[in-house]
């Protein structure tokens, strides 16, 4: 089913209550010598790649130069990249010299409409257009790091290709942050365009740098990890009038303010958050043009995050109900698109695969540095791959030592600051996972 977002309560309760199996934790292998060597050899190159992508970010479905650079680097490695998937997606296959399984490794490439507020020598100065406005563009979520890490892993794997068992599909994906209005994109379009049509992996792995975890640590959990996400649009329609004569029209600004305030009760008073968390947030509001004109309409956009299909549908209904009746109480009408796109499913780590690969992550950073994070209300379109193939997605701590991850600028902040030591951690962890999986047949 395309939007499988509900899970058995018993499975989720187990995922919430339990850390990963003790048996797996006790089977910590040593870090592979080839992984250690690759980390040392690739460290500066990965930093250079990351800084280039950071300095020249591109928005979702606009990653033209980013994908061009990725394809160029893959060709330098002797690979034959396939380009133009889901607009600007790039893939390439590394064929090992020995028989073995097929797996896929994924990195996302797009940036955000955020104006950077860091004084880095490679800070972004890029601008673009988003929702009809000129905006700054920044890798405020770390996709520049993901792209650099996967290129580093690719180079390491090519260097050991003759003895490598199996095959690895490299997936450089555009538009993880969501396609612009009226466009398709991201993982869903990658799959629609046949990313797994000729190469069906038996496992998919991905990572994400994460400001809430200190550098040197990795976060992973079995089962549900990140929430489903849906966006919505509400447009309250009143009647324009002069600001000195509000009784001469219907004020959509006051009506919308009331809608926004009442919406806060949907989660706090109508949703059983003792069972599972949920979020309803507003991200932008737009209406009017002049200080003394009450406009005809006001529009807001926002997001809904859930882990259960029943809760998801109830929040949809509650939001429409609040918007309709509160607007009507002000003499206004509402145009509600809830949701206004297909959204992302819950990101679910395959329990068996995650337990199997836990020792590989522990080998990269030490058993004490692999933690089980709580459920995350952030979302990831990696979830689409995870519905097709057993998958594991893990977090790589990115906040420098000496800075409290709780108060550090978060992912999506204009001050998001990645400690580049996390690049080495991500490379070694993803490479260790890859080699361990390819070398150890299932069962």
Protein backbone atom coordinates (compact mmCIF):
# COMPACT_ATOMS: atom_id res chain seq x y z
CA UNK A 1 0.00 0.00 0.00
CA UNK A 2 1.45 3.35 -1.06
CA UNK A 3 0.94 5.13 2.26
CA UNK A 4 1.35 2.42 4.89
CA UNK A 5 1.62 4.64 7.97
CA UNK A 6 -0.01 2.60 10.72
CA UNK A 7 1.75 -0.05 12.73
CA UNK A 8 0.71 -2.62 15.27
CA UNK A 9 0.66 -1.06 18.72
CA UNK A 10 2.65 -3.95 20.13
CA UNK A 11 5.47 -3.43 17.62
CA UNK A 12 5.65 0.27 18.33
CA UNK A 13 5.47 -0.23 22.08
CA UNK A 14 8.37 -2.60 21.84
CA UNK A 15 10.32 -0.10 19.75
CA UNK A 16 9.59 2.65 22.27
CA UNK A 17 10.42 0.62 25.35
CA UNK A 18 13.38 -1.43 24.33
CA UNK A 19 16.91 -0.70 23.28
CA UNK A 20 18.42 -2.83 20.55
CA UNK A 21 19.01 -6.49 21.46
CA UNK A 22 21.67 -7.13 24.05
CA UNK A 23 22.94 -10.09 22.05
CA UNK A 24 23.74 -7.83 19.12
CA UNK A 25 25.38 -5.32 21.45
CA UNK A 26 27.71 -8.00 22.77
CA UNK A 27 28.89 -8.96 19.29
CA UNK A 28 30.89 -5.85 18.56
CA UNK A 29 33.48 -6.52 15.84
CA UNK A 30 36.67 -4.60 15.32
CA UNK A 31 36.72 -1.82 12.80
CA UNK A 32 37.93 -3.13 9.47
CA UNK A 33 41.51 -2.16 8.56
CA UNK A 34 40.35 -1.10 5.09
CA UNK A 35 37.76 1.18 6.70
CA UNK A 36 40.39 2.80 8.91
CA UNK A 37 42.67 3.26 5.89
CA UNK A 38 39.85 4.73 3.79
CA UNK A 39 38.92 7.16 6.54
CA UNK A 40 42.47 8.50 6.71
CA UNK A 41 42.93 8.60 2.94
CA UNK A 42 39.56 10.20 2.17
CA UNK A 43 39.25 12.69 5.01
CA UNK A 44 40.46 15.81 3.22
CA UNK A 45 38.77 14.93 -0.07
CA UNK A 46 35.39 14.47 1.58
CA UNK A 47 35.80 17.82 3.36
CA UNK A 48 36.60 19.51 0.05
CA UNK A 49 33.56 17.96 -1.64
CA UNK A 50 31.30 18.95 1.23
CA UNK A 51 32.57 22.54 1.24
CA UNK A 52 32.02 22.86 -2.49
CA UNK A 53 28.43 21.66 -2.26
CA UNK A 54 27.87 23.86 0.79
CA UNK A 55 29.08 26.96 -1.02
CA UNK A 56 26.95 26.29 -4.10
CA UNK A 57 23.61 24.92 -2.83
CA UNK A 58 20.54 24.39 -5.00
CA UNK A 59 16.88 24.01 -4.08
CA UNK A 60 14.77 20.90 -4.56
CA UNK A 61 14.31 19.90 -8.22
CA UNK A 62 16.88 22.56 -9.15
CA UNK A 63 20.07 20.60 -8.34
CA UNK A 64 21.47 20.95 -11.86
CA UNK A 65 25.06 21.88 -11.02
CA UNK A 66 25.18 19.62 -7.98
CA UNK A 67 24.19 16.57 -9.99
CA UNK A 68 26.59 17.54 -12.76
CA UNK A 69 29.47 17.67 -10.28
CA UNK A 70 28.45 14.34 -8.73
CA UNK A 71 28.35 12.68 -12.16
CA UNK A 72 31.77 14.12 -13.02
CA UNK A 73 33.28 12.72 -9.82
CA UNK A 74 31.76 9.30 -10.49
CA UNK A 75 33.18 9.27 -14.02
CA UNK A 76 36.62 10.07 -12.60
CA UNK A 77 36.28 6.86 -10.59
CA UNK A 78 35.68 4.90 -13.78
CA UNK A 79 31.95 4.48 -13.16
CA UNK A 80 29.16 5.05 -15.65
CA UNK A 81 26.59 7.26 -13.93
CA UNK A 82 22.99 7.39 -15.02
CA UNK A 83 21.64 10.95 -14.82
CA UNK A 84 18.30 12.72 -15.14
CA UNK A 85 16.37 10.42 -12.82
CA UNK A 86 13.58 12.31 -11.07
CA UNK A 87 14.91 15.46 -12.79
CA UNK A 88 18.43 15.61 -11.35
CA UNK A 89 19.01 12.26 -9.67
CA UNK A 90 22.26 10.38 -10.31
CA UNK A 91 22.98 6.68 -9.85
CA UNK A 92 25.92 4.41 -10.54
CA UNK A 93 26.67 0.74 -9.93
CA UNK A 94 29.91 -0.57 -8.47
CA UNK A 95 30.30 -4.21 -9.53
CA UNK A 96 32.53 -6.22 -7.27
CA UNK A 97 34.99 -8.80 -8.55
CA UNK A 98 33.36 -11.56 -6.52
CA UNK A 99 29.76 -12.78 -6.37
CA UNK A 100 27.61 -11.43 -3.57
CA UNK A 101 24.45 -9.55 -2.66
CA UNK A 102 23.13 -6.33 -4.10
CA UNK A 103 22.63 -3.29 -1.87
CA UNK A 104 21.92 0.41 -2.35
CA UNK A 105 23.38 3.45 -0.58
CA UNK A 106 21.48 6.73 -0.70
CA UNK A 107 22.44 10.38 -0.21
CA UNK A 108 20.23 13.44 -0.76
CA UNK A 109 21.54 16.56 -2.53
CA UNK A 110 19.07 19.45 -2.20
CA UNK A 111 19.29 22.55 -0.03
CA UNK A 112 16.74 24.77 1.70
CA UNK A 113 15.32 28.29 1.20
CA UNK A 114 17.33 29.56 4.18
CA UNK A 115 19.74 32.51 4.31
CA UNK A 116 22.95 31.37 5.99
CA UNK A 117 24.07 33.21 9.12
CA UNK A 118 27.52 31.65 9.54
CA UNK A 119 30.87 33.32 8.87
CA UNK A 120 32.46 30.31 7.21
CA UNK A 121 34.83 31.07 4.32
CA UNK A 122 32.68 28.73 2.21
CA UNK A 123 29.34 30.02 3.48
CA UNK A 124 26.56 30.15 0.92
CA UNK A 125 25.83 33.44 -0.82
CA UNK A 126 23.36 31.80 -3.20
CA UNK A 127 19.85 33.07 -3.79
CA UNK A 128 16.90 31.67 -5.69
CA UNK A 129 13.15 32.00 -5.98
CA UNK A 130 10.80 30.06 -3.71
CA UNK A 131 7.01 30.48 -3.59
CA UNK A 132 7.36 33.60 -5.68
CA UNK A 133 9.89 35.29 -3.39
CA UNK A 134 13.65 35.80 -3.59
CA UNK A 135 15.30 33.70 -0.87
CA UNK A 136 18.72 32.74 0.34
CA UNK A 137 19.72 29.12 -0.25
CA UNK A 138 21.66 27.06 2.30
CA UNK A 139 22.55 23.47 3.09
CA UNK A 140 20.94 23.95 6.49
CA UNK A 141 20.10 20.26 6.82
CA UNK A 142 23.46 18.70 5.94
CA UNK A 143 22.74 17.20 2.54
CA UNK A 144 26.08 18.59 1.40
CA UNK A 145 27.68 16.29 3.98
CA UNK A 146 25.65 13.29 2.82
CA UNK A 147 26.70 13.84 -0.78
CA UNK A 148 30.37 14.21 0.14
CA UNK A 149 30.27 11.12 2.36
CA UNK A 150 28.70 8.93 -0.33
CA UNK A 151 31.25 10.09 -2.89
CA UNK A 152 33.96 9.13 -0.39
CA UNK A 153 32.42 5.70 0.16
CA UNK A 154 32.19 5.26 -3.61
CA UNK A 155 35.87 6.05 -4.06
CA UNK A 156 36.82 3.64 -1.28
CA UNK A 157 34.71 0.84 -2.78
CA UNK A 158 36.13 1.37 -6.26
CA UNK A 159 39.60 1.08 -4.75
CA UNK A 160 38.80 -2.43 -3.50
CA UNK A 161 36.55 -3.39 -6.42
CA UNK A 162 38.51 -6.47 -7.53
CA UNK A 163 37.99 -8.20 -4.18
CA UNK A 164 34.59 -6.70 -3.40
CA UNK A 165 31.73 -9.20 -3.19
CA UNK A 166 28.42 -8.24 -4.76
CA UNK A 167 27.21 -4.97 -6.23
CA UNK A 168 26.48 -1.54 -4.77
CA UNK A 169 24.01 0.96 -6.25
CA UNK A 170 24.90 4.55 -5.41
CA UNK A 171 21.80 6.76 -5.24
CA UNK A 172 22.27 10.54 -5.23
CA UNK A 173 18.74 11.82 -4.79
CA UNK A 174 17.24 15.27 -5.44
CA UNK A 175 14.31 16.95 -3.70
CA UNK A 176 14.30 15.18 -0.35
CA UNK A 177 12.96 18.39 1.16
CA UNK A 178 9.95 18.21 -1.12
CA UNK A 179 9.26 19.22 -4.69
CA UNK A 180 7.96 22.73 -5.43
CA UNK A 181 4.20 23.12 -5.68
CA UNK A 182 2.82 21.45 -8.79
CA UNK A 183 5.91 19.27 -9.33
CA UNK A 184 6.85 15.70 -8.52
CA UNK A 185 10.20 14.84 -7.02
CA UNK A 186 12.26 13.09 -4.40
CA UNK A 187 12.38 9.41 -3.53
CA UNK A 188 8.84 8.75 -4.76
CA UNK A 189 9.72 9.99 -8.23
CA UNK A 190 13.06 8.16 -8.16
CA UNK A 191 11.12 4.92 -7.67
CA UNK A 192 8.53 5.91 -10.27
CA UNK A 193 11.37 6.57 -12.71
CA UNK A 194 12.72 3.08 -12.11
CA UNK A 195 15.69 3.50 -9.79
CA UNK A 196 15.19 -0.12 -8.66
CA UNK A 197 13.81 -1.43 -11.96
CA UNK A 198 17.01 -2.97 -13.28
CA UNK A 199 18.84 -3.17 -9.97
CA UNK A 200 16.72 -4.55 -7.16
CA UNK A 201 18.73 -4.33 -3.93
CA UNK A 202 18.09 -6.63 -1.01
CA UNK A 203 18.91 -3.84 1.46
CA UNK A 204 19.16 -0.04 1.40
CA UNK A 205 21.22 2.10 3.78
CA UNK A 206 21.18 5.83 4.42
CA UNK A 207 22.38 8.33 7.01
CA UNK A 208 21.68 11.85 8.20
CA UNK A 209 23.90 14.26 10.11
CA UNK A 210 22.01 15.35 13.21
CA UNK A 211 22.58 18.39 15.40
CA UNK A 212 20.86 16.84 18.44
CA UNK A 213 23.65 14.27 18.76
CA UNK A 214 27.28 15.18 19.55
CA UNK A 215 29.97 14.39 17.01
CA UNK A 216 31.40 10.92 17.53
CA UNK A 217 28.04 9.33 18.31
CA UNK A 218 25.56 7.49 16.08
CA UNK A 219 21.83 7.14 16.68
CA UNK A 220 19.79 4.21 15.37
CA UNK A 221 16.64 2.37 16.41
CA UNK A 222 14.63 -0.59 15.18
CA UNK A 223 11.16 -0.08 13.75
CA UNK A 224 9.59 3.39 13.49
CA UNK A 225 12.23 6.13 13.58
CA UNK A 226 10.84 9.30 11.94
CA UNK A 227 7.29 10.55 11.56
CA UNK A 228 5.04 10.66 8.55
CA UNK A 229 4.72 14.21 7.24
CA UNK A 230 1.89 15.97 5.46
CA UNK A 231 1.60 19.61 4.44
CA UNK A 232 -1.56 21.68 4.34
CA UNK A 233 -2.79 25.02 3.02
CA UNK A 234 -5.59 27.11 4.52
CA UNK A 235 -6.93 30.21 2.80
CA UNK A 236 -9.39 32.35 4.73
CA UNK A 237 -11.46 34.54 2.40
CA UNK A 238 -13.05 37.70 3.78
CA UNK A 239 -13.94 41.00 2.11
CA UNK A 240 -11.49 43.84 1.60
CA UNK A 241 -12.11 47.21 3.21
CA UNK A 242 -10.28 50.29 4.43
CA UNK A 243 -8.38 49.77 7.67
CA UNK A 244 -10.28 52.68 9.24
CA UNK A 245 -13.64 50.94 8.53
CA UNK A 246 -13.25 47.27 9.52
CA UNK A 247 -17.04 46.97 9.83
CA UNK A 248 -17.25 47.63 6.10
CA UNK A 249 -15.73 44.25 5.23
CA UNK A 250 -14.78 40.88 6.71
CA UNK A 251 -11.32 40.78 8.23
CA UNK A 252 -9.52 37.55 7.19
CA UNK A 253 -6.46 38.42 9.29
CA UNK A 254 -8.40 38.34 12.56
CA UNK A 255 -10.22 35.21 11.42
CA UNK A 256 -6.96 33.48 10.51
CA UNK A 257 -5.42 34.44 13.84
CA UNK A 258 -8.36 32.77 15.56
CA UNK A 259 -7.99 29.68 13.34
CA UNK A 260 -4.29 29.41 14.19
CA UNK A 261 -4.95 29.78 17.91
CA UNK A 262 -7.78 27.24 17.99
CA UNK A 263 -5.74 24.78 15.93
CA UNK A 264 -3.35 24.46 18.88
CA UNK A 265 -6.05 22.51 20.71
CA UNK A 266 -6.07 19.74 18.10
CA UNK A 267 -2.97 18.08 19.54
CA UNK A 268 -3.16 19.41 23.11
CA UNK A 269 -6.85 18.56 23.69
CA UNK A 270 -8.13 16.21 20.98
CA UNK A 271 -5.24 13.81 20.29
CA UNK A 272 -4.16 10.99 22.61
CA UNK A 273 -0.47 11.87 22.72
CA UNK A 274 0.02 9.45 25.63
CA UNK A 275 -0.11 6.72 22.98
CA UNK A 276 1.90 8.31 20.18
CA UNK A 277 3.23 11.82 19.52
CA UNK A 278 1.77 14.16 16.91
CA UNK A 279 2.50 17.70 15.74
CA UNK A 280 0.57 20.41 13.87
CA UNK A 281 2.69 23.46 13.01
CA UNK A 282 2.31 26.56 10.84
CA UNK A 283 5.29 27.55 8.72
CA UNK A 284 4.24 30.64 6.76
CA UNK A 285 1.45 33.21 6.67
CA UNK A 286 0.78 35.66 3.87
CA UNK A 287 -1.90 38.26 3.40
CA UNK A 288 -2.30 41.91 2.62
CA UNK A 289 0.00 44.48 1.06
CA UNK A 290 -0.56 47.83 2.82
CA UNK A 291 -0.85 49.01 6.42
CA UNK A 292 -4.30 50.59 6.03
CA UNK A 293 -6.03 48.02 3.82
CA UNK A 294 -7.74 44.98 5.28
CA UNK A 295 -7.22 42.38 2.52
CA UNK A 296 -9.58 39.99 0.86
CA UNK A 297 -7.77 36.85 2.02
CA UNK A 298 -4.96 35.37 4.09
CA UNK A 299 -3.16 32.11 3.40
CA UNK A 300 -1.13 29.87 5.70
CA UNK A 301 0.85 26.71 5.09
CA UNK A 302 1.90 24.15 7.67
CA UNK A 303 2.81 20.59 8.47
CA UNK A 304 1.29 17.60 10.27
CA UNK A 305 3.47 14.86 11.79
CA UNK A 306 2.07 11.50 12.92
CA UNK A 307 3.00 7.86 13.51
CA UNK A 308 -0.45 6.30 13.16
CA UNK A 309 -2.89 6.36 10.25
CA UNK A 310 -5.96 6.71 12.46
CA UNK A 311 -4.49 9.70 14.27
CA UNK A 312 -3.42 11.17 10.94
CA UNK A 313 -6.94 11.03 9.48
CA UNK A 314 -8.49 12.40 12.67
CA UNK A 315 -6.13 15.39 12.66
CA UNK A 316 -7.01 16.06 9.03
CA UNK A 317 -10.70 16.10 9.92
CA UNK A 318 -10.18 18.22 13.05
CA UNK A 319 -8.13 20.80 11.15
CA UNK A 320 -10.76 21.14 8.42
CA UNK A 321 -13.47 21.40 11.07
CA UNK A 322 -11.65 24.11 13.04
CA UNK A 323 -10.80 26.12 9.93
CA UNK A 324 -14.35 25.95 8.56
CA UNK A 325 -16.29 26.80 11.70
CA UNK A 326 -13.94 29.39 13.18
CA UNK A 327 -13.85 31.20 9.84
CA UNK A 328 -17.63 31.05 9.62
CA UNK A 329 -17.90 32.58 13.10
CA UNK A 330 -16.10 35.62 11.69
CA UNK A 331 -18.31 35.77 8.62
CA UNK A 332 -15.48 34.44 6.42
CA UNK A 333 -15.04 31.34 4.33
CA UNK A 334 -12.10 28.95 4.12
CA UNK A 335 -10.48 27.01 1.30
CA UNK A 336 -8.77 24.07 3.00
CA UNK A 337 -6.34 21.69 1.32
CA UNK A 338 -5.66 19.13 4.05
CA UNK A 339 -3.36 17.52 3.07
CA UNK A 340 -2.21 19.31 -0.06
CA UNK A 341 0.20 16.62 -1.31
CA UNK A 342 1.01 12.94 -0.83
CA UNK A 343 3.47 13.48 2.04
CA UNK A 344 6.08 11.08 3.39
CA UNK A 345 5.29 7.80 5.14
CA UNK A 346 6.75 6.90 8.52
CA UNK A 347 10.44 6.01 8.21
CA UNK A 348 10.76 2.44 9.50
CA UNK A 349 14.02 0.60 10.06
CA UNK A 350 13.71 -3.10 9.35
CA UNK A 351 14.14 -4.68 12.81
CA UNK A 352 16.16 -7.71 11.68
CA UNK A 353 18.42 -5.70 9.39
CA UNK A 354 19.02 -3.07 12.06
CA UNK A 355 19.90 -5.68 14.69
CA UNK A 356 22.21 -7.38 12.22
CA UNK A 357 24.07 -4.18 11.32
CA UNK A 358 24.24 -2.70 14.82
CA UNK A 359 27.69 -4.24 15.46
CA UNK A 360 28.97 -2.55 12.31
CA UNK A 361 27.95 0.86 13.63
CA UNK A 362 29.47 0.03 16.99
CA UNK A 363 32.70 -0.94 15.28
CA UNK A 364 32.88 2.52 13.71
CA UNK A 365 32.50 4.57 16.91
CA UNK A 366 32.52 2.12 19.84
CA UNK A 367 29.56 0.40 21.46
CA UNK A 368 29.05 3.16 24.05
CA UNK A 369 28.72 5.75 21.30
CA UNK A 370 25.80 4.08 19.51
CA UNK A 371 22.59 5.31 21.11
CA UNK A 372 18.89 4.62 20.69
CA UNK A 373 17.25 8.00 19.98
CA UNK A 374 13.61 8.72 20.79
CA UNK A 375 11.03 8.83 18.04
CA UNK A 376 11.75 11.81 15.79
CA UNK A 377 9.00 14.13 14.59
CA UNK A 378 11.17 15.08 11.62
CA UNK A 379 10.41 13.19 8.42
CA UNK A 380 12.46 11.64 5.62
CA UNK A 381 11.49 10.50 2.16
CA UNK A 382 14.00 7.65 2.59
CA UNK A 383 10.80 6.07 3.93
CA UNK A 384 9.70 5.36 0.35
CA UNK A 385 12.74 3.13 -0.21
CA UNK A 386 12.14 1.45 3.15
CA UNK A 387 8.67 0.39 1.99
CA UNK A 388 10.18 -1.33 -1.04
CA UNK A 389 13.27 -2.97 0.46
CA UNK A 390 14.47 -3.79 4.01
CA UNK A 391 16.34 -0.66 5.05
CA UNK A 392 18.33 0.99 7.81
CA UNK A 393 18.65 4.73 8.34
CA UNK A 394 20.89 6.15 11.05
CA UNK A 395 21.88 9.52 12.50
CA UNK A 396 25.46 10.80 12.65
CA UNK A 397 26.12 13.32 15.41
CA UNK A 398 27.25 16.66 13.99
CA UNK A 399 27.51 19.08 16.93
CA UNK A 400 31.05 19.86 18.05
CA UNK A 401 32.34 18.80 21.44
CA UNK A 402 31.87 21.49 24.05
CA UNK A 403 28.53 22.62 22.56
CA UNK A 404 25.31 21.37 24.12
CA UNK A 405 23.39 19.48 21.38
CA UNK A 406 20.15 20.44 23.12
CA UNK A 407 20.72 24.14 22.50
CA UNK A 408 22.85 23.96 19.35
CA UNK A 409 21.26 25.42 16.19
CA UNK A 410 19.14 22.63 14.79
CA UNK A 411 18.89 21.21 11.32
CA UNK A 412 17.04 23.79 9.14
CA UNK A 413 18.42 26.68 11.18
CA UNK A 414 20.29 29.49 9.35
CA UNK A 415 23.01 28.95 11.97
CA UNK A 416 23.22 25.16 11.56
CA UNK A 417 26.89 24.34 12.03
CA UNK A 418 28.28 20.95 11.15
CA UNK A 419 31.48 19.74 12.82
CA UNK A 420 33.42 18.28 9.89
CA UNK A 421 34.66 15.46 12.10
CA UNK A 422 31.20 14.02 11.48
CA UNK A 423 32.16 13.47 7.84
CA UNK A 424 34.81 10.96 8.89
CA UNK A 425 32.37 9.23 11.23
CA UNK A 426 29.71 9.00 8.52
CA UNK A 427 32.14 7.67 5.93
CA UNK A 428 33.57 4.99 8.20
CA UNK A 429 30.16 3.93 9.51
CA UNK A 430 28.56 3.65 6.06
CA UNK A 431 31.60 1.87 4.63
CA UNK A 432 31.75 -0.57 7.55
CA UNK A 433 28.04 -1.34 7.18
CA UNK A 434 28.47 -1.89 3.45
CA UNK A 435 31.44 -4.23 3.68
CA UNK A 436 30.04 -6.19 6.61
CA UNK A 437 26.75 -6.75 4.81
CA UNK A 438 28.39 -7.79 1.55
CA UNK A 439 30.77 -10.17 3.32
CA UNK A 440 28.22 -11.90 5.52
CA UNK A 441 25.38 -13.67 3.72
CA UNK A 442 22.01 -13.70 5.47
CA UNK A 443 21.19 -16.63 7.74
